[in-house]
């Protein structure tokens, strides 16, 4: 019995070692693709940061946004729905270069304006705190995922959990548009949303390393970009509601 147990343990260790070796080889083979995706993501975040910073720090731009969202024009609706509309052609033409990059730039611009609008109506200190917290969380989750995958861990099980959770976040968000909630409920709702998008960062990072085809770098970067932005917005809402409760 002891001999059998020893052989079983040795076999398990060999399997773990093989899995780790395979993962390291995969990371080396996919290194160029991973760098390209994070390069595109960095460009997307740079544009969003610039536009959002202008909305907070440059008063003429801030006033323009505030006057626009308070008006009865169609522009606020365009800002709200254009990211969703542009996401459709982005997915359809995600492999068609250079059209995919052109649509990606348009989609990123639409989202940047949407995020800038949220920042314009939020206290600058809260925006900064949310930015720092989001950067720390994204870096930590990404680093952990790379480390865990090298150790042979698999996060595929998150997929069936995250999708219905995301649907719940979307339904809750739509309901809150018509039925406003108190600060406590808003914090709980946004906390759940932040947990969901944190899980998606881990899940999509694994997909980036293991399963995304080499010609889908645009869609891979878009997935991470959306997770990152939504995490930022959820954290910013939590901080805003906590400040409101203190005041």
Protein backbone atom coordinates (compact mmCIF):
# COMPACT_ATOMS: atom_id res chain seq x y z
CA UNK A 1 0.00 0.00 0.00
CA UNK A 2 2.79 2.38 0.94
CA UNK A 3 4.62 1.59 -2.29
CA UNK A 4 1.50 2.26 -4.34
CA UNK A 5 0.94 5.57 -2.56
CA UNK A 6 4.52 6.60 -3.24
CA UNK A 7 4.20 5.76 -6.94
CA UNK A 8 0.93 7.69 -7.14
CA UNK A 9 2.51 10.76 -5.51
CA UNK A 10 5.47 10.60 -7.89
CA UNK A 11 3.10 10.30 -10.86
CA UNK A 12 1.13 13.34 -9.68
CA UNK A 13 4.33 15.36 -9.33
CA UNK A 14 5.40 14.35 -12.83
CA UNK A 15 2.03 15.48 -14.21
CA UNK A 16 2.33 18.84 -12.45
CA UNK A 17 5.87 19.28 -13.78
CA UNK A 18 4.76 18.45 -17.33
CA UNK A 19 1.87 20.91 -17.02
CA UNK A 20 4.20 23.67 -15.80
CA UNK A 21 6.69 22.97 -18.61
CA UNK A 22 3.90 23.06 -21.18
CA UNK A 23 2.59 26.36 -19.81
CA UNK A 24 6.05 27.96 -19.85
CA UNK A 25 6.56 26.84 -23.46
CA UNK A 26 3.12 28.21 -24.34
CA UNK A 27 3.96 31.57 -22.77
CA UNK A 28 7.16 31.73 -24.81
CA UNK A 29 5.32 30.90 -28.03
CA UNK A 30 2.53 33.39 -27.31
CA UNK A 31 4.83 36.14 -26.05
CA UNK A 32 4.53 38.24 -29.21
CA UNK A 33 0.73 38.03 -29.20
CA UNK A 34 0.52 38.90 -25.51
CA UNK A 35 2.79 41.92 -25.95
CA UNK A 36 0.74 43.13 -28.92
CA UNK A 37 -2.50 42.89 -26.95
CA UNK A 38 -1.11 44.76 -23.94
CA UNK A 39 0.39 47.35 -26.27
CA UNK A 40 -3.03 48.01 -27.79
CA UNK A 41 -4.59 48.04 -24.32
CA UNK A 42 -2.04 50.62 -23.17
CA UNK A 43 -3.00 52.85 -26.10
CA UNK A 44 -6.69 52.49 -25.29
CA UNK A 45 -6.12 53.35 -21.64
CA UNK A 46 -3.91 56.32 -22.57
CA UNK A 47 -6.69 57.82 -24.71
CA UNK A 48 -9.31 57.20 -22.03
CA UNK A 49 -7.09 58.69 -19.33
CA UNK A 50 -6.40 61.83 -21.38
CA UNK A 51 -10.07 62.44 -22.20
CA UNK A 52 -11.22 61.68 -18.64
CA UNK A 53 -8.52 63.89 -17.13
CA UNK A 54 -9.61 66.75 -19.37
CA UNK A 55 -13.19 66.23 -18.19
CA UNK A 56 -12.06 66.61 -14.57
CA UNK A 57 -9.28 69.21 -14.83
CA UNK A 58 -10.18 71.40 -17.83
CA UNK A 59 -13.23 73.43 -16.80
CA UNK A 60 -14.41 74.44 -20.33
CA UNK A 61 -14.57 70.76 -21.29
CA UNK A 62 -16.26 69.92 -17.98
CA UNK A 63 -18.87 72.64 -18.52
CA UNK A 64 -19.45 71.44 -22.08
CA UNK A 65 -20.13 67.90 -20.86
CA UNK A 66 -22.41 69.09 -18.06
CA UNK A 67 -24.41 71.36 -20.34
CA UNK A 68 -24.71 68.56 -22.89
CA UNK A 69 -26.05 65.94 -20.49
CA UNK A 70 -28.49 68.47 -19.02
CA UNK A 71 -29.86 69.43 -22.42
CA UNK A 72 -32.78 67.83 -24.24
CA UNK A 73 -30.66 66.96 -27.28
CA UNK A 74 -29.87 63.50 -28.64
CA UNK A 75 -26.16 63.81 -27.77
CA UNK A 76 -26.39 62.25 -24.27
CA UNK A 77 -28.13 59.22 -25.77
CA UNK A 78 -25.43 58.99 -28.43
CA UNK A 79 -22.72 59.04 -25.77
CA UNK A 80 -24.57 56.35 -23.84
CA UNK A 81 -25.34 53.93 -26.67
CA UNK A 82 -22.49 54.50 -29.16
CA UNK A 83 -20.08 52.13 -27.33
CA UNK A 84 -22.65 49.32 -27.58
CA UNK A 85 -23.39 50.09 -31.23
CA UNK A 86 -19.71 50.27 -32.21
CA UNK A 87 -19.06 46.96 -30.44
CA UNK A 88 -21.07 45.10 -33.10
CA UNK A 89 -18.94 46.00 -36.16
CA UNK A 90 -15.82 45.65 -34.00
CA UNK A 91 -16.70 42.00 -33.36
CA UNK A 92 -17.75 41.33 -36.95
CA UNK A 93 -14.54 42.80 -38.43
CA UNK A 94 -12.20 41.90 -35.56
CA UNK A 95 -9.91 39.94 -37.92
CA UNK A 96 -9.98 42.38 -40.85
CA UNK A 97 -6.84 44.48 -40.72
CA UNK A 98 -6.59 47.52 -40.82
CA UNK A 99 -10.37 47.98 -40.58
CA UNK A 100 -10.39 46.35 -37.15
CA UNK A 101 -7.96 48.96 -35.82
CA UNK A 102 -10.04 51.81 -37.27
CA UNK A 103 -13.22 50.51 -35.63
CA UNK A 104 -11.28 49.85 -32.42
CA UNK A 105 -10.19 53.50 -32.38
CA UNK A 106 -13.80 54.61 -32.87
CA UNK A 107 -15.04 52.28 -30.14
CA UNK A 108 -12.33 53.44 -27.74
CA UNK A 109 -13.20 57.08 -28.43
CA UNK A 110 -16.89 56.43 -27.73
CA UNK A 111 -16.09 54.68 -24.47
CA UNK A 112 -13.62 57.39 -23.48
CA UNK A 113 -16.34 60.02 -23.86
CA UNK A 114 -18.70 57.89 -21.79
CA UNK A 115 -16.17 57.46 -19.00
CA UNK A 116 -15.28 61.17 -19.20
CA UNK A 117 -18.95 62.02 -18.69
CA UNK A 118 -19.05 59.90 -15.53
CA UNK A 119 -15.85 61.54 -14.29
CA UNK A 120 -17.16 65.05 -15.01
CA UNK A 121 -20.05 64.61 -12.58
CA UNK A 122 -17.83 63.03 -9.90
CA UNK A 123 -15.51 64.68 -7.38
CA UNK A 124 -11.94 64.76 -8.71
CA UNK A 125 -10.52 63.19 -5.55
CA UNK A 126 -12.83 60.21 -5.91
CA UNK A 127 -11.84 59.80 -9.56
CA UNK A 128 -8.16 59.74 -8.57
CA UNK A 129 -8.77 57.27 -5.74
CA UNK A 130 -10.72 55.01 -8.08
CA UNK A 131 -7.96 55.22 -10.68
CA UNK A 132 -5.28 54.21 -8.16
CA UNK A 133 -7.41 51.39 -6.73
CA UNK A 134 -8.28 50.06 -10.20
CA UNK A 135 -4.65 50.16 -11.34
CA UNK A 136 -3.55 48.27 -8.23
CA UNK A 137 -6.27 45.65 -8.62
CA UNK A 138 -5.68 45.13 -12.35
CA UNK A 139 -1.92 44.79 -11.88
CA UNK A 140 -2.36 42.38 -8.96
CA UNK A 141 -4.95 40.23 -10.73
CA UNK A 142 -2.92 40.10 -13.94
CA UNK A 143 0.29 39.24 -12.11
CA UNK A 144 -1.47 36.57 -10.06
CA UNK A 145 -3.03 35.02 -13.17
CA UNK A 146 0.31 34.76 -14.98
CA UNK A 147 1.91 33.26 -11.87
CA UNK A 148 -0.95 30.80 -11.29
CA UNK A 149 -0.99 29.63 -14.90
CA UNK A 150 2.76 29.00 -14.77
CA UNK A 151 2.05 26.80 -11.74
CA UNK A 152 -0.48 24.81 -13.77
CA UNK A 153 -3.70 26.33 -12.43
CA UNK A 154 -6.74 26.58 -14.67
CA UNK A 155 -9.49 29.21 -14.42
CA UNK A 156 -11.80 27.86 -17.11
CA UNK A 157 -14.37 27.01 -14.44
CA UNK A 158 -15.00 30.75 -13.98
CA UNK A 159 -16.74 31.07 -17.36
CA UNK A 160 -20.07 29.42 -16.40
CA UNK A 161 -20.08 31.41 -13.14
CA UNK A 162 -19.19 34.82 -14.55
CA UNK A 163 -21.65 34.94 -17.46
CA UNK A 164 -24.87 34.66 -15.40
CA UNK A 165 -23.29 37.00 -12.85
CA UNK A 166 -22.67 39.55 -15.61
CA UNK A 167 -26.30 39.20 -16.73
CA UNK A 168 -27.36 39.91 -13.14
CA UNK A 169 -25.16 43.03 -13.09
CA UNK A 170 -26.70 44.27 -16.35
CA UNK A 171 -30.28 43.62 -15.22
CA UNK A 172 -29.62 45.31 -11.88
CA UNK A 173 -28.10 48.32 -13.64
CA UNK A 174 -31.13 48.70 -15.92
CA UNK A 175 -33.52 48.40 -12.98
CA UNK A 176 -31.62 51.08 -11.06
CA UNK A 177 -32.17 53.50 -13.95
CA UNK A 178 -35.91 53.34 -13.33
CA UNK A 179 -35.95 52.58 -9.60
CA UNK A 180 -33.24 54.54 -7.75
CA UNK A 181 -31.74 52.80 -4.71
CA UNK A 182 -30.14 53.97 -1.48
CA UNK A 183 -26.42 54.25 -0.81
CA UNK A 184 -26.15 50.88 0.96
CA UNK A 185 -27.85 49.00 -1.88
CA UNK A 186 -25.75 50.88 -4.44
CA UNK A 187 -22.52 49.94 -2.65
CA UNK A 188 -23.55 46.27 -2.45
CA UNK A 189 -24.57 46.27 -6.11
CA UNK A 190 -21.33 47.90 -7.25
CA UNK A 191 -19.29 45.64 -4.97
CA UNK A 192 -20.83 42.63 -6.69
CA UNK A 193 -20.14 44.21 -10.08
CA UNK A 194 -16.51 44.87 -9.13
CA UNK A 195 -16.14 41.23 -8.09
CA UNK A 196 -17.59 40.05 -11.42
CA UNK A 197 -15.27 42.23 -13.52
CA UNK A 198 -12.29 41.23 -11.37
CA UNK A 199 -13.15 37.62 -12.14
CA UNK A 200 -13.38 38.45 -15.83
CA UNK A 201 -9.90 40.01 -15.73
CA UNK A 202 -8.52 36.69 -14.48
CA UNK A 203 -10.62 34.65 -16.92
CA UNK A 204 -9.82 36.77 -19.99
CA UNK A 205 -6.13 36.93 -19.09
CA UNK A 206 -6.05 33.14 -19.19
CA UNK A 207 -7.87 33.20 -22.54
CA UNK A 208 -5.27 35.70 -23.77
CA UNK A 209 -2.47 33.32 -22.83
CA UNK A 210 -4.05 30.05 -23.91
CA UNK A 211 -6.98 30.25 -26.31
CA UNK A 212 -7.32 33.55 -28.20
CA UNK A 213 -6.35 33.04 -31.88
CA UNK A 214 -3.36 35.10 -33.02
CA UNK A 215 -5.50 37.15 -35.42
CA UNK A 216 -7.95 38.23 -32.66
CA UNK A 217 -5.61 40.60 -30.85
CA UNK A 218 -8.15 43.43 -31.23
CA UNK A 219 -10.93 41.46 -29.54
CA UNK A 220 -8.57 40.24 -26.81
CA UNK A 221 -7.55 43.81 -25.96
CA UNK A 222 -11.18 44.95 -26.10
CA UNK A 223 -12.19 42.25 -23.60
CA UNK A 224 -9.55 43.37 -21.10
CA UNK A 225 -10.31 47.04 -21.78
CA UNK A 226 -14.01 46.61 -21.04
CA UNK A 227 -13.25 44.67 -17.85
CA UNK A 228 -10.84 47.36 -16.70
CA UNK A 229 -13.19 50.27 -17.43
CA UNK A 230 -16.16 48.61 -15.79
CA UNK A 231 -14.09 47.79 -12.72
CA UNK A 232 -13.05 51.46 -12.55
CA UNK A 233 -16.64 52.68 -12.83
CA UNK A 234 -17.85 50.27 -10.14
CA UNK A 235 -15.09 51.32 -7.75
CA UNK A 236 -15.74 55.00 -8.47
CA UNK A 237 -19.42 54.50 -7.71
CA UNK A 238 -18.62 52.72 -4.43
CA UNK A 239 -16.33 55.55 -3.33
CA UNK A 240 -18.89 58.16 -4.37
CA UNK A 241 -21.69 56.46 -2.43
CA UNK A 242 -19.49 56.08 0.66
CA UNK A 243 -18.61 59.78 0.52
CA UNK A 244 -22.27 60.66 0.11
CA UNK A 245 -23.15 58.55 3.15
CA UNK A 246 -20.45 60.26 5.25
CA UNK A 247 -21.64 63.72 4.23
